PDB file of N, CA and C in Angstrom:
ATOM      1  N   UNK A   1     -13.311   1.673 -15.804  1.00  0.00           N
ATOM      2  CA  UNK A   1     -13.327   1.237 -14.431  1.00  0.00           C
ATOM      3  C   UNK A   1     -14.773   1.144 -13.970  1.00  0.00           C
ATOM      4  N   UNK A   2     -15.091   0.069 -13.308  1.00  0.00           N
ATOM      5  CA  UNK A   2     -16.441  -0.137 -12.791  1.00  0.00           C
ATOM      6  C   UNK A   2     -16.329  -0.274 -11.277  1.00  0.00           C
ATOM      7  N   UNK A   3     -16.177   0.861 -10.619  1.00  0.00           N
ATOM      8  CA  UNK A   3     -15.983   0.866  -9.177  1.00  0.00           C
ATOM      9  C   UNK A   3     -17.283   0.509  -8.472  1.00  0.00           C
ATOM     10  N   UNK A   4     -17.148  -0.219  -7.388  1.00  0.00           N
ATOM     11  CA  UNK A   4     -18.270  -0.664  -6.553  1.00  0.00           C
ATOM     12  C   UNK A   4     -19.190  -1.668  -7.255  1.00  0.00           C
ATOM     13  N   UNK A   5     -18.738  -2.203  -8.361  1.00  0.00           N
ATOM     14  CA  UNK A   5     -19.450  -3.277  -9.034  1.00  0.00           C
ATOM     15  C   UNK A   5     -18.663  -4.560  -8.789  1.00  0.00           C
ATOM     16  N   UNK A   6     -19.336  -5.639  -8.501  1.00  0.00           N
ATOM     17  CA  UNK A   6     -18.668  -6.918  -8.302  1.00  0.00           C
ATOM     18  C   UNK A   6     -18.764  -7.780  -9.545  1.00  0.00           C
ATOM     19  N   UNK A   7     -17.686  -8.413  -9.892  1.00  0.00           N
ATOM     20  CA  UNK A   7     -17.692  -9.338 -11.028  1.00  0.00           C
ATOM     21  C   UNK A   7     -18.188 -10.686 -10.522  1.00  0.00           C
ATOM     22  N   UNK A   8     -19.270 -11.162 -11.071  1.00  0.00           N
ATOM     23  CA  UNK A   8     -19.870 -12.417 -10.630  1.00  0.00           C
ATOM     24  C   UNK A   8     -19.453 -13.604 -11.484  1.00  0.00           C
ATOM     25  N   UNK A   9     -19.128 -13.325 -12.751  1.00  0.00           N
ATOM     26  CA  UNK A   9     -18.779 -14.426 -13.644  1.00  0.00           C
ATOM     27  C   UNK A   9     -17.981 -13.907 -14.831  1.00  0.00           C
ATOM     28  N   UNK A  10     -16.998 -14.692 -15.247  1.00  0.00           N
ATOM     29  CA  UNK A  10     -16.254 -14.397 -16.470  1.00  0.00           C
ATOM     30  C   UNK A  10     -16.955 -15.152 -17.598  1.00  0.00           C
ATOM     31  N   UNK A  11     -17.431 -14.411 -18.574  1.00  0.00           N
ATOM     32  CA  UNK A  11     -18.091 -15.022 -19.729  1.00  0.00           C
ATOM     33  C   UNK A  11     -17.025 -15.287 -20.787  1.00  0.00           C
ATOM     34  N   UNK A  12     -17.046 -16.464 -21.364  1.00  0.00           N
ATOM     35  CA  UNK A  12     -16.001 -16.811 -22.326  1.00  0.00           C
ATOM     36  C   UNK A  12     -16.575 -17.666 -23.445  1.00  0.00           C
ATOM     37  N   UNK A  13     -15.822 -17.740 -24.507  1.00  0.00           N
ATOM     38  CA  UNK A  13     -16.176 -18.571 -25.647  1.00  0.00           C
ATOM     39  C   UNK A  13     -14.967 -19.364 -26.088  1.00  0.00           C
ATOM     40  N   UNK A  14     -15.193 -20.259 -27.031  1.00  0.00           N
ATOM     41  CA  UNK A  14     -14.108 -21.086 -27.556  1.00  0.00           C
ATOM     42  C   UNK A  14     -14.007 -20.866 -29.061  1.00  0.00           C
ATOM     43  N   UNK A  15     -12.813 -20.564 -29.526  1.00  0.00           N
ATOM     44  CA  UNK A  15     -12.573 -20.354 -30.963  1.00  0.00           C
ATOM     45  C   UNK A  15     -12.586 -21.689 -31.698  1.00  0.00           C
ATOM     46  N   UNK A  16     -12.614 -21.632 -33.014  1.00  0.00           N
ATOM     47  CA  UNK A  16     -12.615 -22.853 -33.825  1.00  0.00           C
ATOM     48  C   UNK A  16     -11.335 -23.664 -33.636  1.00  0.00           C
ATOM     49  N   UNK A  17     -10.243 -22.980 -33.240  1.00  0.00           N
ATOM     50  CA  UNK A  17      -8.984 -23.699 -33.002  1.00  0.00           C
ATOM     51  C   UNK A  17      -8.892 -24.253 -31.578  1.00  0.00           C
ATOM     52  N   UNK A  18      -9.945 -24.061 -30.785  1.00  0.00           N
ATOM     53  CA  UNK A  18      -9.965 -24.607 -29.427  1.00  0.00           C
ATOM     54  C   UNK A  18      -9.496 -23.650 -28.349  1.00  0.00           C
ATOM     55  N   UNK A  19      -8.962 -22.496 -28.744  1.00  0.00           N
ATOM     56  CA  UNK A  19      -8.512 -21.532 -27.732  1.00  0.00           C
ATOM     57  C   UNK A  19      -9.716 -20.805 -27.130  1.00  0.00           C
ATOM     58  N   UNK A  20      -9.584 -20.439 -25.867  1.00  0.00           N
ATOM     59  CA  UNK A  20     -10.666 -19.755 -25.166  1.00  0.00           C
ATOM     60  C   UNK A  20     -10.399 -18.258 -25.120  1.00  0.00           C
ATOM     61  N   UNK A  21     -11.448 -17.469 -25.093  1.00  0.00           N
ATOM     62  CA  UNK A  21     -11.331 -16.016 -25.019  1.00  0.00           C
ATOM     63  C   UNK A  21     -12.437 -15.472 -24.113  1.00  0.00           C
ATOM     64  N   UNK A  22     -12.181 -14.332 -23.508  1.00  0.00           N
ATOM     65  CA  UNK A  22     -13.172 -13.682 -22.652  1.00  0.00           C
ATOM     66  C   UNK A  22     -14.109 -12.880 -23.544  1.00  0.00           C
ATOM     67  N   UNK A  23     -15.405 -13.111 -23.393  1.00  0.00           N
ATOM     68  CA  UNK A  23     -16.394 -12.386 -24.192  1.00  0.00           C
ATOM     69  C   UNK A  23     -17.108 -11.310 -23.381  1.00  0.00           C
ATOM     70  N   UNK A  24     -16.910 -11.304 -22.065  1.00  0.00           N
ATOM     71  CA  UNK A  24     -17.530 -10.281 -21.227  1.00  0.00           C
ATOM     72  C   UNK A  24     -17.441 -10.649 -19.760  1.00  0.00           C
ATOM     73  N   UNK A  25     -17.868  -9.726 -18.931  1.00  0.00           N
ATOM     74  CA  UNK A  25     -17.917  -9.951 -17.488  1.00  0.00           C
ATOM     75  C   UNK A  25     -19.333  -9.685 -17.004  1.00  0.00           C
ATOM     76  N   UNK A  26     -19.885 -10.607 -16.239  1.00  0.00           N
ATOM     77  CA  UNK A  26     -21.195 -10.408 -15.624  1.00  0.00           C
ATOM     78  C   UNK A  26     -20.967  -9.669 -14.312  1.00  0.00           C
ATOM     79  N   UNK A  27     -21.478  -8.442 -14.235  1.00  0.00           N
ATOM     80  CA  UNK A  27     -21.249  -7.572 -13.082  1.00  0.00           C
ATOM     81  C   UNK A  27     -22.568  -7.331 -12.352  1.00  0.00           C
ATOM     82  N   UNK A  28     -22.467  -7.048 -11.038  1.00  0.00           N
ATOM     83  CA  UNK A  28     -23.668  -6.696 -10.283  1.00  0.00           C
ATOM     84  C   UNK A  28     -23.321  -5.740  -9.160  1.00  0.00           C
ATOM     85  N   UNK A  29     -24.346  -4.964  -8.782  1.00  0.00           N
ATOM     86  CA  UNK A  29     -24.244  -4.042  -7.650  1.00  0.00           C
ATOM     87  C   UNK A  29     -25.644  -3.947  -7.064  1.00  0.00           C
ATOM     88  N   UNK A  30     -25.807  -4.383  -5.816  1.00  0.00           N
ATOM     89  CA  UNK A  30     -27.116  -4.421  -5.169  1.00  0.00           C
ATOM     90  C   UNK A  30     -28.073  -5.215  -6.059  1.00  0.00           C
ATOM     91  N   UNK A  31     -29.109  -4.590  -6.583  1.00  0.00           N
ATOM     92  CA  UNK A  31     -30.072  -5.304  -7.433  1.00  0.00           C
ATOM     93  C   UNK A  31     -29.821  -5.074  -8.916  1.00  0.00           C
ATOM     94  N   UNK A  32     -28.795  -4.307  -9.260  1.00  0.00           N
ATOM     95  CA  UNK A  32     -28.485  -4.012 -10.663  1.00  0.00           C
ATOM     96  C   UNK A  32     -27.531  -5.056 -11.232  1.00  0.00           C
ATOM     97  N   UNK A  33     -27.719  -5.367 -12.496  1.00  0.00           N
ATOM     98  CA  UNK A  33     -26.829  -6.306 -13.190  1.00  0.00           C
ATOM     99  C   UNK A  33     -26.502  -5.750 -14.564  1.00  0.00           C
ATOM    100  N   UNK A  34     -25.307  -6.087 -15.055  1.00  0.00           N
ATOM    101  CA  UNK A  34     -24.936  -5.686 -16.415  1.00  0.00           C
ATOM    102  C   UNK A  34     -23.824  -6.593 -16.917  1.00  0.00           C
ATOM    103  N   UNK A  35     -23.673  -6.617 -18.232  1.00  0.00           N
ATOM    104  CA  UNK A  35     -22.584  -7.341 -18.888  1.00  0.00           C
ATOM    105  C   UNK A  35     -21.625  -6.291 -19.430  1.00  0.00           C
ATOM    106  N   UNK A  36     -20.349  -6.426 -19.100  1.00  0.00           N
ATOM    107  CA  UNK A  36     -19.326  -5.490 -19.567  1.00  0.00           C
ATOM    108  C   UNK A  36     -18.499  -6.186 -20.642  1.00  0.00           C
ATOM    109  N   UNK A  37     -18.391  -5.545 -21.789  1.00  0.00           N
ATOM    110  CA  UNK A  37     -17.561  -6.062 -22.883  1.00  0.00           C
ATOM    111  C   UNK A  37     -16.447  -5.060 -23.143  1.00  0.00           C
ATOM    112  N   UNK A  38     -15.233  -5.569 -23.381  1.00  0.00           N
ATOM    113  CA  UNK A  38     -14.081  -4.690 -23.584  1.00  0.00           C
ATOM    114  C   UNK A  38     -13.043  -5.395 -24.456  1.00  0.00           C
ATOM    115  N   UNK A  39     -12.025  -4.634 -24.853  1.00  0.00           N
ATOM    116  CA  UNK A  39     -10.915  -5.201 -25.618  1.00  0.00           C
ATOM    117  C   UNK A  39      -9.949  -5.955 -24.713  1.00  0.00           C
ATOM    118  N   UNK A  40      -9.838  -5.502 -23.460  1.00  0.00           N
ATOM    119  CA  UNK A  40      -8.929  -6.135 -22.496  1.00  0.00           C
ATOM    120  C   UNK A  40      -9.571  -6.064 -21.116  1.00  0.00           C
ATOM    121  N   UNK A  41      -9.230  -7.014 -20.259  1.00  0.00           N
ATOM    122  CA  UNK A  41      -9.804  -7.094 -18.921  1.00  0.00           C
ATOM    123  C   UNK A  41      -8.684  -7.211 -17.899  1.00  0.00           C
ATOM    124  N   UNK A  42      -8.852  -6.542 -16.770  1.00  0.00           N
ATOM    125  CA  UNK A  42      -7.893  -6.617 -15.669  1.00  0.00           C
ATOM    126  C   UNK A  42      -8.690  -6.855 -14.396  1.00  0.00           C
ATOM    127  N   UNK A  43      -8.239  -7.781 -13.577  1.00  0.00           N
ATOM    128  CA  UNK A  43      -8.904  -8.048 -12.300  1.00  0.00           C
ATOM    129  C   UNK A  43      -7.885  -7.938 -11.180  1.00  0.00           C
ATOM    130  N   UNK A  44      -8.245  -7.223 -10.148  1.00  0.00           N
ATOM    131  CA  UNK A  44      -7.405  -7.117  -8.951  1.00  0.00           C
ATOM    132  C   UNK A  44      -8.114  -7.901  -7.855  1.00  0.00           C
ATOM    133  N   UNK A  45      -7.630  -9.099  -7.592  1.00  0.00           N
ATOM    134  CA  UNK A  45      -8.303  -9.998  -6.647  1.00  0.00           C
ATOM    135  C   UNK A  45      -7.325 -10.542  -5.623  1.00  0.00           C
ATOM    136  N   UNK A  46      -7.867 -10.913  -4.478  1.00  0.00           N
ATOM    137  CA  UNK A  46      -7.072 -11.688  -3.540  1.00  0.00           C
ATOM    138  C   UNK A  46      -7.121 -13.148  -4.007  1.00  0.00           C
ATOM    139  N   UNK A  47      -6.389 -14.018  -3.334  1.00  0.00           N
ATOM    140  CA  UNK A  47      -6.302 -15.414  -3.779  1.00  0.00           C
ATOM    141  C   UNK A  47      -7.672 -16.099  -3.753  1.00  0.00           C
ATOM    142  N   UNK A  48      -8.439 -16.024  -2.660  1.00  0.00           N
ATOM    143  CA  UNK A  48      -9.760 -16.668  -2.689  1.00  0.00           C
ATOM    144  C   UNK A  48     -10.678 -16.076  -3.766  1.00  0.00           C
ATOM    145  N   UNK A  49     -10.560 -14.768  -4.008  1.00  0.00           N
ATOM    146  CA  UNK A  49     -11.400 -14.121  -5.012  1.00  0.00           C
ATOM    147  C   UNK A  49     -11.115 -14.608  -6.419  1.00  0.00           C
ATOM    148  N   UNK A  50      -9.848 -14.747  -6.779  1.00  0.00           N
ATOM    149  CA  UNK A  50      -9.513 -15.203  -8.131  1.00  0.00           C
ATOM    150  C   UNK A  50      -9.888 -16.671  -8.312  1.00  0.00           C
ATOM    151  N   UNK A  51      -9.813 -17.445  -7.241  1.00  0.00           N
ATOM    152  CA  UNK A  51     -10.220 -18.851  -7.337  1.00  0.00           C
ATOM    153  C   UNK A  51     -11.713 -18.966  -7.632  1.00  0.00           C
ATOM    154  N   UNK A  52     -12.517 -18.057  -7.092  1.00  0.00           N
ATOM    155  CA  UNK A  52     -13.958 -18.070  -7.363  1.00  0.00           C
ATOM    156  C   UNK A  52     -14.268 -17.549  -8.763  1.00  0.00           C
ATOM    157  N   UNK A  53     -13.431 -16.662  -9.273  1.00  0.00           N
ATOM    158  CA  UNK A  53     -13.709 -15.981 -10.534  1.00  0.00           C
ATOM    159  C   UNK A  53     -13.311 -16.788 -11.770  1.00  0.00           C
ATOM    160  N   UNK A  54     -12.241 -17.552 -11.682  1.00  0.00           N
ATOM    161  CA  UNK A  54     -11.746 -18.304 -12.846  1.00  0.00           C
ATOM    162  C   UNK A  54     -12.728 -19.434 -13.179  1.00  0.00           C
ATOM    163  N   UNK A  55     -13.219 -19.485 -14.418  1.00  0.00           N
ATOM    164  CA  UNK A  55     -14.142 -20.559 -14.806  1.00  0.00           C
ATOM    165  C   UNK A  55     -13.498 -21.942 -14.647  1.00  0.00           C
ATOM    166  N   UNK A  56     -14.288 -22.900 -14.224  1.00  0.00           N
ATOM    167  CA  UNK A  56     -13.797 -24.261 -13.986  1.00  0.00           C
ATOM    168  C   UNK A  56     -13.149 -24.849 -15.238  1.00  0.00           C
ATOM    169  N   UNK A  57     -13.699 -24.554 -16.392  1.00  0.00           N
ATOM    170  CA  UNK A  57     -13.166 -25.080 -17.666  1.00  0.00           C
ATOM    171  C   UNK A  57     -11.721 -24.636 -17.897  1.00  0.00           C
ATOM    172  N   UNK A  58     -11.359 -23.442 -17.399  1.00  0.00           N
ATOM    173  CA  UNK A  58     -10.008 -22.930 -17.599  1.00  0.00           C
ATOM    174  C   UNK A  58      -8.964 -23.716 -16.822  1.00  0.00           C
ATOM    175  N   UNK A  59      -9.390 -24.500 -15.854  1.00  0.00           N
ATOM    176  CA  UNK A  59      -8.419 -25.293 -15.087  1.00  0.00           C
ATOM    177  C   UNK A  59      -7.748 -26.352 -15.949  1.00  0.00           C
ATOM    178  N   UNK A  60      -8.275 -26.587 -17.131  1.00  0.00           N
ATOM    179  CA  UNK A  60      -7.616 -27.507 -18.066  1.00  0.00           C
ATOM    180  C   UNK A  60      -6.278 -26.935 -18.525  1.00  0.00           C
ATOM    181  N   UNK A  61      -6.132 -25.617 -18.442  1.00  0.00           N
ATOM    182  CA  UNK A  61      -4.887 -24.949 -18.828  1.00  0.00           C
ATOM    183  C   UNK A  61      -3.995 -24.820 -17.599  1.00  0.00           C
ATOM    184  N   UNK A  62      -2.752 -25.231 -17.722  1.00  0.00           N
ATOM    185  CA  UNK A  62      -1.831 -25.239 -16.585  1.00  0.00           C
ATOM    186  C   UNK A  62      -1.695 -23.867 -15.932  1.00  0.00           C
ATOM    187  N   UNK A  63      -1.662 -22.819 -16.736  1.00  0.00           N
ATOM    188  CA  UNK A  63      -1.505 -21.461 -16.211  1.00  0.00           C
ATOM    189  C   UNK A  63      -2.583 -21.143 -15.169  1.00  0.00           C
ATOM    190  N   UNK A  64      -3.835 -21.451 -15.499  1.00  0.00           N
ATOM    191  CA  UNK A  64      -4.933 -21.153 -14.584  1.00  0.00           C
ATOM    192  C   UNK A  64      -5.046 -22.191 -13.475  1.00  0.00           C
ATOM    193  N   UNK A  65      -4.688 -23.430 -13.756  1.00  0.00           N
ATOM    194  CA  UNK A  65      -4.736 -24.453 -12.713  1.00  0.00           C
ATOM    195  C   UNK A  65      -3.736 -24.153 -11.603  1.00  0.00           C
ATOM    196  N   UNK A  66      -2.613 -23.520 -11.947  1.00  0.00           N
ATOM    197  CA  UNK A  66      -1.612 -23.172 -10.934  1.00  0.00           C
ATOM    198  C   UNK A  66      -2.136 -22.167  -9.915  1.00  0.00           C
ATOM    199  N   UNK A  67      -3.171 -21.411 -10.271  1.00  0.00           N
ATOM    200  CA  UNK A  67      -3.766 -20.462  -9.321  1.00  0.00           C
ATOM    201  C   UNK A  67      -4.264 -21.197  -8.083  1.00  0.00           C
ATOM    202  N   UNK A  68      -4.745 -22.412  -8.266  1.00  0.00           N
ATOM    203  CA  UNK A  68      -5.308 -23.174  -7.152  1.00  0.00           C
ATOM    204  C   UNK A  68      -4.229 -23.731  -6.229  1.00  0.00           C
ATOM    205  N   UNK A  69      -2.976 -23.579  -6.597  1.00  0.00           N
ATOM    206  CA  UNK A  69      -1.869 -23.975  -5.721  1.00  0.00           C
ATOM    207  C   UNK A  69      -1.445 -22.834  -4.808  1.00  0.00           C
ATOM    208  N   UNK A  70      -1.937 -21.624  -5.082  1.00  0.00           N
ATOM    209  CA  UNK A  70      -1.583 -20.463  -4.260  1.00  0.00           C
ATOM    210  C   UNK A  70      -2.291 -20.530  -2.914  1.00  0.00           C
ATOM    211  N   UNK A  71      -1.610 -20.038  -1.905  1.00  0.00           N
ATOM    212  CA  UNK A  71      -2.186 -19.962  -0.563  1.00  0.00           C
ATOM    213  C   UNK A  71      -2.242 -18.496  -0.176  1.00  0.00           C
ATOM    214  N   UNK A  72      -3.391 -18.056   0.247  1.00  0.00           N
ATOM    215  CA  UNK A  72      -3.549 -16.660   0.657  1.00  0.00           C
ATOM    216  C   UNK A  72      -3.355 -16.505   2.152  1.00  0.00           C
ATOM    217  N   UNK A  73      -2.868 -15.359   2.539  1.00  0.00           N
ATOM    218  CA  UNK A  73      -2.686 -15.033   3.951  1.00  0.00           C
ATOM    219  C   UNK A  73      -3.525 -13.794   4.245  1.00  0.00           C
ATOM    220  N   UNK A  74      -4.453 -13.880   5.203  1.00  0.00           N
ATOM    221  CA  UNK A  74      -5.255 -12.702   5.529  1.00  0.00           C
ATOM    222  C   UNK A  74      -4.370 -11.549   6.008  1.00  0.00           C
ATOM    223  N   UNK A  75      -4.669 -10.355   5.532  1.00  0.00           N
ATOM    224  CA  UNK A  75      -3.879  -9.178   5.886  1.00  0.00           C
ATOM    225  C   UNK A  75      -4.822  -8.066   6.320  1.00  0.00           C
ATOM    226  N   UNK A  76      -4.438  -7.373   7.367  1.00  0.00           N
ATOM    227  CA  UNK A  76      -5.186  -6.211   7.824  1.00  0.00           C
ATOM    228  C   UNK A  76      -4.230  -5.032   7.821  1.00  0.00           C
ATOM    229  N   UNK A  77      -4.656  -3.920   7.262  1.00  0.00           N
ATOM    230  CA  UNK A  77      -3.820  -2.725   7.291  1.00  0.00           C
ATOM    231  C   UNK A  77      -4.457  -1.707   8.220  1.00  0.00           C
ATOM    232  N   UNK A  78      -3.612  -1.009   8.922  1.00  0.00           N
ATOM    233  CA  UNK A  78      -4.069   0.017   9.859  1.00  0.00           C
ATOM    234  C   UNK A  78      -3.319   1.296   9.547  1.00  0.00           C
ATOM    235  N   UNK A  79      -4.035   2.385   9.450  1.00  0.00           N
ATOM    236  CA  UNK A  79      -3.403   3.685   9.239  1.00  0.00           C
ATOM    237  C   UNK A  79      -3.570   4.506  10.505  1.00  0.00           C
ATOM    238  N   UNK A  80      -2.462   4.964  11.038  1.00  0.00           N
ATOM    239  CA  UNK A  80      -2.487   5.843  12.202  1.00  0.00           C
ATOM    240  C   UNK A  80      -2.198   7.249  11.725  1.00  0.00           C
ATOM    241  N   UNK A  81      -3.025   8.173  12.109  1.00  0.00           N
ATOM    242  CA  UNK A  81      -2.838   9.567  11.691  1.00  0.00           C
ATOM    243  C   UNK A  81      -2.525  10.405  12.920  1.00  0.00           C
ATOM    244  N   UNK A  82      -1.468  11.168  12.807  1.00  0.00           N
ATOM    245  CA  UNK A  82      -1.038  12.053  13.885  1.00  0.00           C
ATOM    246  C   UNK A  82      -1.164  13.496  13.427  1.00  0.00           C
ATOM    247  N   UNK A  83      -1.248  14.391  14.375  1.00  0.00           N
ATOM    248  CA  UNK A  83      -1.314  15.816  14.069  1.00  0.00           C
ATOM    249  C   UNK A  83       0.115  16.332  13.932  1.00  0.00           C
ATOM    250  N   UNK A  84       0.739  16.051  12.826  1.00  0.00           N
ATOM    251  CA  UNK A  84       2.124  16.447  12.590  1.00  0.00           C
ATOM    252  C   UNK A  84       2.952  15.251  12.163  1.00  0.00           C
ATOM    253  N   UNK A  85       4.204  15.521  11.820  1.00  0.00           N
ATOM    254  CA  UNK A  85       5.114  14.476  11.365  1.00  0.00           C
ATOM    255  C   UNK A  85       5.596  13.643  12.538  1.00  0.00           C
ATOM    256  N   UNK A  86       5.724  12.366  12.317  1.00  0.00           N
ATOM    257  CA  UNK A  86       6.291  11.468  13.318  1.00  0.00           C
ATOM    258  C   UNK A  86       7.661  11.051  12.794  1.00  0.00           C
ATOM    259  N   UNK A  87       8.687  11.383  13.527  1.00  0.00           N
ATOM    260  CA  UNK A  87      10.052  11.020  13.142  1.00  0.00           C
ATOM    261  C   UNK A  87      10.670  10.280  14.314  1.00  0.00           C
ATOM    262  N   UNK A  88      11.947  10.065  14.235  1.00  0.00           N
ATOM    263  CA  UNK A  88      12.621   9.418  15.356  1.00  0.00           C
ATOM    264  C   UNK A  88      12.428  10.257  16.608  1.00  0.00           C
ATOM    265  N   UNK A  89      11.951   9.618  17.644  1.00  0.00           N
ATOM    266  CA  UNK A  89      11.724  10.335  18.897  1.00  0.00           C
ATOM    267  C   UNK A  89      12.806   9.930  19.891  1.00  0.00           C
ATOM    268  N   UNK A  90      13.771  10.789  20.038  1.00  0.00           N
ATOM    269  CA  UNK A  90      14.860  10.484  20.956  1.00  0.00           C
ATOM    270  C   UNK A  90      14.551  10.967  22.368  1.00  0.00           C
ATOM    271  N   UNK A  91      13.598  11.884  22.489  1.00  0.00           N
ATOM    272  CA  UNK A  91      13.219  12.393  23.803  1.00  0.00           C
ATOM    273  C   UNK A  91      12.119  11.483  24.349  1.00  0.00           C
ATOM    274  N   UNK A  92      12.457  10.622  25.291  1.00  0.00           N
ATOM    275  CA  UNK A  92      11.529   9.638  25.828  1.00  0.00           C
ATOM    276  C   UNK A  92      10.286  10.301  26.411  1.00  0.00           C
ATOM    277  N   UNK A  93      10.472  11.407  27.108  1.00  0.00           N
ATOM    278  CA  UNK A  93       9.330  12.090  27.729  1.00  0.00           C
ATOM    279  C   UNK A  93       8.348  12.609  26.670  1.00  0.00           C
ATOM    280  N   UNK A  94       8.862  13.195  25.599  1.00  0.00           N
ATOM    281  CA  UNK A  94       7.990  13.701  24.531  1.00  0.00           C
ATOM    282  C   UNK A  94       7.333  12.561  23.758  1.00  0.00           C
ATOM    283  N   UNK A  95       7.993  11.429  23.628  1.00  0.00           N
ATOM    284  CA  UNK A  95       7.411  10.314  22.892  1.00  0.00           C
ATOM    285  C   UNK A  95       6.194   9.752  23.612  1.00  0.00           C
ATOM    286  N   UNK A  96       6.128   9.903  24.916  1.00  0.00           N
ATOM    287  CA  UNK A  96       4.981   9.411  25.685  1.00  0.00           C
ATOM    288  C   UNK A  96       3.761  10.296  25.505  1.00  0.00           C
ATOM    289  N   UNK A  97       3.938  11.495  24.999  1.00  0.00           N
ATOM    290  CA  UNK A  97       2.827  12.422  24.825  1.00  0.00           C
ATOM    291  C   UNK A  97       2.043  12.151  23.536  1.00  0.00           C
ATOM    292  N   UNK A  98       2.544  11.310  22.684  1.00  0.00           N
ATOM    293  CA  UNK A  98       1.847  11.030  21.422  1.00  0.00           C
ATOM    294  C   UNK A  98       0.627  10.238  21.638  1.00  0.00           C
TER     295      UNK A  98
END
């Protein structure tokens, strides 16, 4: 895991049979840069993020070209923390005290 590092580019090569493979990830954090090589790669991205990350050449493959048909919806999550458990509040007067 490379937490707080951003993937800037997927590095890839082409085999003699024409198939493509990932050869590494170009990562950066502030002014630091590095290339990460591994046996397997996993990316957790939102829709705009994966569209920026997938190399243009991969769009020749239907699987990756279909990514560009996805539409992302902005989402905001909010966590409310209370001092105690919040359950069904049947007492209207007590529910106003929260």
